[in-house]
Amino acid sequence: MTSSSTVPAGHGAPWVSVVIGTYNCASWLPGLFECLERQTFREFETVVVDDASTDGETMKALEAQGDRIRLIRRNTNSRTCELPRYQGAKEARGAYCAFLDADDRWDATFLERTVAYLRAHPDTPMVHTAVRVVDAADQVLRIRHEHVMPEGPDLARRLLEHCYITVSAVVVRRDVWLEALREDEINDFGMDLDFFLSIAQRYPVGFIPDVLASYRRSESSVSVQKWRRIPRNVVTLERIYRKGLWRGIAPRKEMRRILADAYMENAQHHYFQGYPNRVPYFAARGWLHRPQDLRFPTWILRAFLKRLARARAVAT
């Protein structure tokens, strides 16, 4: 790891290490640290991994926290969220890690409730909670995956369809997180699902249905800017398919069906959102996974005709 770290003296390991990744996010930090100050559970440390911020203000804000945080500075940007998170977990002193993105927030009882759950379920190494989706101004947009959150032994299979777990609502045993993937495997954006699949396949995963965290969804969000991952993250699903993480969870035929359905959903979504030029990207790839499904060439044709109609309208 190319980093330098500032580690304050302590008096014993905390129960939880709160791991935060930062990159050019100074405007979000006051609210972030205020949310940590409000936590009713206090047996935690805060480990911040700055992913080579270039704005100057982020590092000033972090250094102003003094020994209230353990600051790890990466020398080069990782281009992922998962690598700084993983490196923070490696440096953590707590038996459990709780992950919090810089623009996300916890309710005051988040750590208290999740820690209580884990103490009451010693055989469950990971728990997550329901979250609300908020915009840049903290206005609540919806409850994420309300009424459809999978639980129990079927969780791993359902995760092949969609990443239902929000990483900023997770508390997990540190050793379980670190063994889920090797550090050199973390080389892409959106690898939360790889971790969750690996863990859910081997361990029970707890869920607290109460809304105890806020997940930020704004136009500046990295996930919003990556249109190939909306509404279904087909880029991640293709990686899961190539790596074979579906083995032991579902047969190959079902995994290919899941991929085809995801591509079809994305093609239709972008068509009706007014982006017919994106439809062939999804339809052609989905067709590879389900060659007998004639809906894919039909949607390619529909997208072509819509673009042609637009071009004629502009010409006239």
Protein backbone atom coordinates (compact mmCIF):
# COMPACT_ATOMS: atom_id res chain seq x y z
CA MET A 1 0.00 0.00 0.00
CA THR A 2 1.45 3.36 -1.01
CA SER A 3 0.37 5.44 1.93
CA SER A 4 1.48 7.21 5.06
CA SER A 5 -0.59 7.10 8.24
CA THR A 6 -1.08 9.12 11.38
CA VAL A 7 -2.09 6.85 14.27
CA PRO A 8 -2.89 8.36 17.68
CA ALA A 9 -1.99 6.59 20.89
CA GLY A 10 -4.84 4.52 22.34
CA HIS A 11 -5.78 2.59 25.45
CA GLY A 12 -6.99 -0.74 24.06
CA ALA A 13 -8.76 -1.74 20.89
CA PRO A 14 -12.21 -0.29 20.20
CA TRP A 15 -15.15 -2.59 19.50
CA VAL A 16 -15.81 -1.02 16.08
CA SER A 17 -13.61 0.76 13.56
CA VAL A 18 -15.53 3.23 11.40
CA VAL A 19 -13.79 3.18 8.01
CA ILE A 20 -14.28 6.19 5.71
CA GLY A 21 -12.84 6.83 2.27
CA THR A 22 -12.42 10.42 1.08
CA TYR A 23 -11.59 12.06 -2.22
CA ASN A 24 -12.12 15.77 -2.88
CA CYS A 25 -15.13 15.85 -0.59
CA ALA A 26 -14.42 18.70 1.86
CA SER A 27 -17.98 20.05 1.70
CA TRP A 28 -19.40 16.76 3.06
CA LEU A 29 -16.99 16.40 5.98
CA PRO A 30 -18.65 18.70 8.58
CA GLY A 31 -21.89 16.74 8.35
CA LEU A 32 -20.00 13.47 8.34
CA PHE A 33 -18.16 14.16 11.58
CA GLU A 34 -21.28 15.63 13.17
CA CYS A 35 -23.07 12.36 12.44
CA LEU A 36 -20.28 10.44 14.18
CA GLU A 37 -20.38 12.75 17.18
CA ARG A 38 -24.10 12.02 17.60
CA GLN A 39 -23.64 8.25 17.83
CA THR A 40 -25.03 6.89 21.09
CA PHE A 41 -22.54 3.99 20.95
CA ARG A 42 -19.09 5.40 21.68
CA GLU A 43 -16.70 2.41 21.62
CA PHE A 44 -15.38 3.14 18.15
CA GLU A 45 -12.41 4.62 16.36
CA THR A 46 -12.52 6.50 13.07
CA VAL A 47 -10.14 5.43 10.30
CA VAL A 48 -10.09 7.76 7.28
CA VAL A 49 -8.33 6.76 4.07
CA ASP A 50 -7.85 9.73 1.77
CA ASP A 51 -7.56 8.52 -1.81
CA ALA A 52 -5.00 11.14 -2.93
CA SER A 53 -7.33 14.16 -2.85
CA THR A 54 -6.18 17.05 -5.05
CA ASP A 55 -8.42 19.89 -3.86
CA GLY A 56 -6.34 20.83 -0.80
CA GLU A 57 -9.47 21.53 1.26
CA THR A 58 -10.23 17.88 2.00
CA MET A 59 -6.85 17.29 3.62
CA LYS A 60 -7.10 20.51 5.62
CA ALA A 61 -10.48 19.43 6.97
CA LEU A 62 -9.15 15.99 7.85
CA GLU A 63 -6.02 17.29 9.55
CA ALA A 64 -8.18 19.67 11.60
CA GLN A 65 -9.73 16.59 13.24
CA GLY A 66 -6.41 15.92 14.96
CA ASP A 67 -6.28 12.72 16.99
CA ARG A 68 -10.05 12.23 16.72
CA ILE A 69 -9.33 10.22 13.57
CA ARG A 70 -6.65 7.89 12.28
CA LEU A 71 -5.65 9.35 8.93
CA ILE A 72 -4.16 7.24 6.13
CA ARG A 73 -3.01 9.11 3.03
CA ARG A 74 -2.76 7.28 -0.27
CA ASN A 75 -0.17 8.67 -2.67
CA THR A 76 -2.07 7.69 -5.81
CA ASN A 77 -5.79 7.60 -6.54
CA SER A 78 -7.17 4.07 -6.62
CA ARG A 79 -10.10 4.90 -8.96
CA THR A 80 -12.28 2.69 -6.76
CA CYS A 81 -14.21 3.07 -3.52
CA GLU A 82 -13.40 -0.46 -2.40
CA LEU A 83 -9.60 -0.34 -2.27
CA PRO A 84 -9.36 2.56 0.25
CA ARG A 85 -12.13 0.84 2.24
CA TYR A 86 -10.18 -2.43 2.26
CA GLN A 87 -6.94 -0.72 3.25
CA GLY A 88 -8.75 1.08 6.05
CA ALA A 89 -10.05 -2.27 7.30
CA LYS A 90 -6.51 -3.65 7.24
CA GLU A 91 -5.34 -0.79 9.46
CA ALA A 92 -8.38 -0.99 11.76
CA ARG A 93 -7.98 -2.03 15.39
CA GLY A 94 -11.58 -3.01 16.05
CA ALA A 95 -12.91 -6.55 15.74
CA TYR A 96 -15.70 -5.12 13.56
CA CYS A 97 -15.67 -2.55 10.76
CA ALA A 98 -18.50 -0.17 9.90
CA PHE A 99 -18.18 1.53 6.51
CA LEU A 100 -19.41 5.05 5.84
CA ASP A 101 -18.99 6.95 2.58
CA ALA A 102 -18.19 10.63 3.07
CA ASP A 103 -21.55 11.87 1.74
CA ASP A 104 -23.69 9.24 3.49
CA ARG A 105 -25.04 9.55 7.03
CA TRP A 106 -26.03 7.41 10.02
CA ASP A 107 -28.86 8.01 12.42
CA ALA A 108 -27.70 8.52 16.02
CA THR A 109 -28.51 4.93 17.06
CA PHE A 110 -26.99 3.19 14.02
CA LEU A 111 -23.93 1.80 15.80
CA GLU A 112 -25.86 1.06 18.99
CA ARG A 113 -28.48 -1.00 17.14
CA THR A 114 -26.08 -2.88 14.85
CA VAL A 115 -23.65 -3.69 17.67
CA ALA A 116 -26.54 -4.94 19.82
CA TYR A 117 -27.64 -7.20 16.96
CA LEU A 118 -24.16 -8.65 16.48
CA ARG A 119 -23.73 -9.26 20.20
CA ALA A 120 -27.08 -11.06 20.28
CA HIS A 121 -26.18 -13.15 17.18
CA PRO A 122 -22.54 -14.25 17.67
CA ASP A 123 -22.69 -16.64 14.69
CA THR A 124 -23.64 -13.80 12.32
CA PRO A 125 -20.54 -11.83 11.25
CA MET A 126 -22.33 -9.12 9.25
CA VAL A 127 -25.48 -7.04 9.65
CA HIS A 128 -26.97 -4.22 7.60
CA THR A 129 -29.97 -1.93 7.99
CA ALA A 130 -32.63 -0.36 5.83
CA VAL A 131 -31.64 3.02 4.39
CA ARG A 132 -33.37 6.07 3.01
CA VAL A 133 -32.20 7.57 -0.27
CA VAL A 134 -31.57 11.32 -0.02
CA ASP A 135 -30.58 13.98 -2.52
CA ALA A 136 -27.82 16.58 -2.26
CA ALA A 137 -30.05 18.75 -0.05
CA ASP A 138 -30.92 15.86 2.32
CA GLN A 139 -34.45 15.57 0.97
CA VAL A 140 -35.72 12.01 1.30
CA LEU A 141 -36.46 10.46 -2.11
CA ARG A 142 -37.50 6.96 -1.05
CA ILE A 143 -36.61 4.00 1.14
CA ARG A 144 -34.11 1.87 -0.73
CA HIS A 145 -35.50 -1.55 -1.68
CA GLU A 146 -38.53 -1.05 0.54
CA HIS A 147 -40.65 -4.22 0.82
CA VAL A 148 -38.29 -6.22 -1.43
CA MET A 149 -35.21 -6.67 0.77
CA PRO A 150 -34.19 -10.35 0.65
CA GLU A 151 -33.21 -12.11 3.85
CA GLY A 152 -32.21 -15.57 5.02
CA PRO A 153 -30.63 -18.41 3.03
CA ASP A 154 -31.87 -17.05 -0.32
CA LEU A 155 -29.87 -13.82 0.05
CA ALA A 156 -26.82 -14.93 -1.96
CA ARG A 157 -28.94 -15.95 -4.95
CA ARG A 158 -30.91 -12.69 -4.82
CA LEU A 159 -27.65 -10.74 -4.71
CA LEU A 160 -26.84 -12.15 -8.14
CA GLU A 161 -29.79 -10.13 -9.44
CA HIS A 162 -29.10 -6.89 -7.60
CA CYS A 163 -26.86 -5.49 -4.86
CA TYR A 164 -29.55 -5.01 -2.23
CA ILE A 165 -27.05 -4.23 0.55
CA THR A 166 -25.88 -0.63 1.02
CA VAL A 167 -22.25 -0.60 2.13
CA SER A 168 -22.75 2.50 4.30
CA ALA A 169 -25.28 0.49 6.32
CA VAL A 170 -22.97 -2.47 7.00
CA VAL A 171 -21.14 -3.57 10.13
CA VAL A 172 -18.99 -6.67 9.58
CA ARG A 173 -16.38 -8.68 11.39
CA ARG A 174 -13.04 -7.37 10.21
CA ASP A 175 -11.44 -10.74 9.48
CA VAL A 176 -14.46 -11.89 7.47
CA TRP A 177 -14.32 -8.77 5.28
CA LEU A 178 -10.60 -9.09 4.66
CA GLU A 179 -10.83 -12.77 3.71
CA ALA A 180 -13.74 -12.19 1.31
CA LEU A 181 -11.38 -10.84 -1.40
CA ARG A 182 -7.65 -10.41 -1.78
CA GLU A 183 -6.37 -6.85 -2.04
CA ASP A 184 -4.91 -7.48 -5.49
CA GLU A 185 -8.37 -8.52 -6.74
CA ILE A 186 -9.81 -5.06 -6.08
CA ASN A 187 -9.37 -3.39 -9.45
CA ASP A 188 -12.77 -2.06 -10.50
CA PHE A 189 -15.55 0.26 -9.41
CA GLY A 190 -18.59 -1.34 -7.75
CA MET A 191 -16.97 -4.37 -6.13
CA ASP A 192 -19.14 -4.19 -2.99
CA LEU A 193 -21.20 -6.98 -4.52
CA ASP A 194 -18.15 -9.26 -4.77
CA PHE A 195 -17.62 -8.89 -1.03
CA PHE A 196 -21.28 -9.41 -0.18
CA LEU A 197 -21.60 -12.51 -2.38
CA SER A 198 -18.49 -14.09 -0.90
CA ILE A 199 -19.73 -13.47 2.65
CA ALA A 200 -23.39 -14.41 2.07
CA GLN A 201 -22.36 -17.71 0.50
CA ARG A 202 -20.49 -18.75 3.65
CA TYR A 203 -22.18 -16.99 6.55
CA PRO A 204 -25.59 -15.84 7.73
CA VAL A 205 -26.15 -12.10 7.14
CA GLY A 206 -28.36 -10.15 9.53
CA PHE A 207 -30.77 -7.41 8.58
CA ILE A 208 -32.39 -4.71 10.72
CA PRO A 209 -35.51 -3.52 8.85
CA ASP A 210 -35.55 -0.12 10.56
CA VAL A 211 -34.20 2.83 8.57
CA LEU A 212 -31.00 3.81 10.36
CA ALA A 213 -28.88 5.35 7.59
CA SER A 214 -29.05 7.70 4.60
CA TYR A 215 -27.59 6.90 1.18
CA ARG A 216 -26.79 9.93 -0.97
CA ARG A 217 -28.06 9.96 -4.54
CA SER A 218 -27.15 13.12 -6.44
CA GLU A 219 -26.05 14.07 -9.93
CA SER A 220 -22.46 14.28 -8.69
CA SER A 221 -22.53 10.68 -7.44
CA VAL A 222 -20.07 8.43 -9.25
CA SER A 223 -22.76 5.77 -9.69
CA VAL A 224 -25.08 8.25 -11.41
CA GLN A 225 -22.40 9.25 -13.91
CA LYS A 226 -21.74 5.64 -14.98
CA TRP A 227 -24.81 5.07 -17.17
CA ARG A 228 -23.87 1.49 -18.08
CA ARG A 229 -24.62 0.55 -14.48
CA ILE A 230 -28.16 2.01 -14.38
CA PRO A 231 -30.65 0.78 -13.37
CA ARG A 232 -29.04 -2.68 -13.17
CA ASN A 233 -25.28 -2.82 -12.78
CA VAL A 234 -24.54 -5.05 -15.75
CA VAL A 235 -20.83 -4.23 -15.64
CA THR A 236 -20.59 -5.73 -12.16
CA LEU A 237 -22.84 -8.66 -13.12
CA GLU A 238 -20.54 -9.48 -16.06
CA ARG A 239 -17.56 -9.46 -13.72
CA ILE A 240 -19.40 -11.76 -11.31
CA TYR A 241 -20.11 -14.07 -14.26
CA ARG A 242 -16.49 -14.10 -15.49
CA LYS A 243 -15.12 -14.72 -12.00
CA GLY A 244 -17.55 -17.56 -11.41
CA LEU A 245 -18.86 -16.12 -8.15
CA TRP A 246 -22.26 -17.59 -9.06
CA ARG A 247 -20.92 -21.13 -8.66
CA GLY A 248 -22.42 -22.81 -5.64
CA ILE A 249 -25.27 -20.27 -5.64
CA ALA A 250 -27.02 -20.80 -8.97
CA PRO A 251 -26.48 -22.82 -12.17
CA ARG A 252 -24.82 -21.16 -15.16
CA LYS A 253 -28.12 -21.12 -17.06
CA GLU A 254 -29.77 -19.05 -14.33
CA MET A 255 -26.84 -16.65 -14.14
CA ARG A 256 -27.07 -16.04 -17.89
CA ARG A 257 -30.82 -15.48 -17.56
CA ILE A 258 -30.16 -12.92 -14.82
CA LEU A 259 -27.67 -11.13 -17.08
CA ALA A 260 -30.03 -11.14 -20.06
CA ASP A 261 -32.89 -9.79 -17.94
CA ALA A 262 -30.64 -7.04 -16.57
CA TYR A 263 -29.56 -5.99 -20.07
CA MET A 264 -33.17 -5.93 -21.24
CA GLU A 265 -34.24 -3.80 -18.27
CA ASN A 266 -31.43 -1.33 -18.94
CA ALA A 267 -32.19 -1.15 -22.67
CA GLN A 268 -35.83 -0.33 -22.02
CA HIS A 269 -34.99 2.13 -19.25
CA HIS A 270 -32.61 4.19 -21.38
CA TYR A 271 -34.95 4.08 -24.38
CA PHE A 272 -37.81 5.57 -22.39
CA GLN A 273 -35.48 8.05 -20.69
CA GLY A 274 -34.69 9.47 -24.13
CA TYR A 275 -31.31 7.82 -24.84
CA PRO A 276 -31.95 5.45 -27.77
CA ASN A 277 -28.24 5.59 -28.68
CA ARG A 278 -27.51 3.58 -25.52
CA VAL A 279 -29.97 0.80 -26.30
CA PRO A 280 -27.73 -1.19 -28.73
CA TYR A 281 -25.01 -1.42 -26.07
CA PHE A 282 -27.37 -3.25 -23.73
CA ALA A 283 -29.43 -5.16 -26.29
CA ALA A 284 -26.45 -6.60 -28.15
CA ARG A 285 -24.83 -7.88 -24.96
CA GLY A 286 -28.05 -9.28 -23.62
CA TRP A 287 -28.63 -11.08 -26.91
CA LEU A 288 -25.31 -12.91 -26.45
CA HIS A 289 -26.60 -14.41 -23.21
CA ARG A 290 -30.04 -15.30 -24.64
CA PRO A 291 -29.66 -15.76 -28.44
CA GLN A 292 -33.19 -17.14 -28.81
CA ASP A 293 -34.80 -14.00 -27.37
CA LEU A 294 -35.94 -11.92 -30.33
CA ARG A 295 -36.81 -8.97 -28.10
CA PHE A 296 -33.16 -7.88 -28.23
CA PRO A 297 -32.95 -7.29 -32.01
CA THR A 298 -36.43 -5.75 -31.84
CA TRP A 299 -35.22 -3.15 -29.34
CA ILE A 300 -32.13 -2.46 -31.44
CA LEU A 301 -34.44 -1.76 -34.38
CA ARG A 302 -36.73 0.44 -32.24
CA ALA A 303 -33.74 2.47 -31.08
CA PHE A 304 -32.48 2.87 -34.66
CA LEU A 305 -35.89 4.07 -35.87
CA LYS A 306 -36.18 6.54 -33.01
CA ARG A 307 -32.76 8.00 -33.76
CA LEU A 308 -33.67 8.17 -37.47
CA ALA A 309 -36.90 10.00 -36.66
CA ARG A 310 -34.97 12.48 -34.52
CA ALA A 311 -32.45 13.09 -37.29
CA ARG A 312 -35.25 13.77 -39.80
CA ALA A 313 -36.98 16.11 -37.38
CA VAL A 314 -33.77 18.10 -36.97
CA ALA A 315 -33.23 18.18 -40.73
CA THR A 316 -36.66 19.66 -41.34
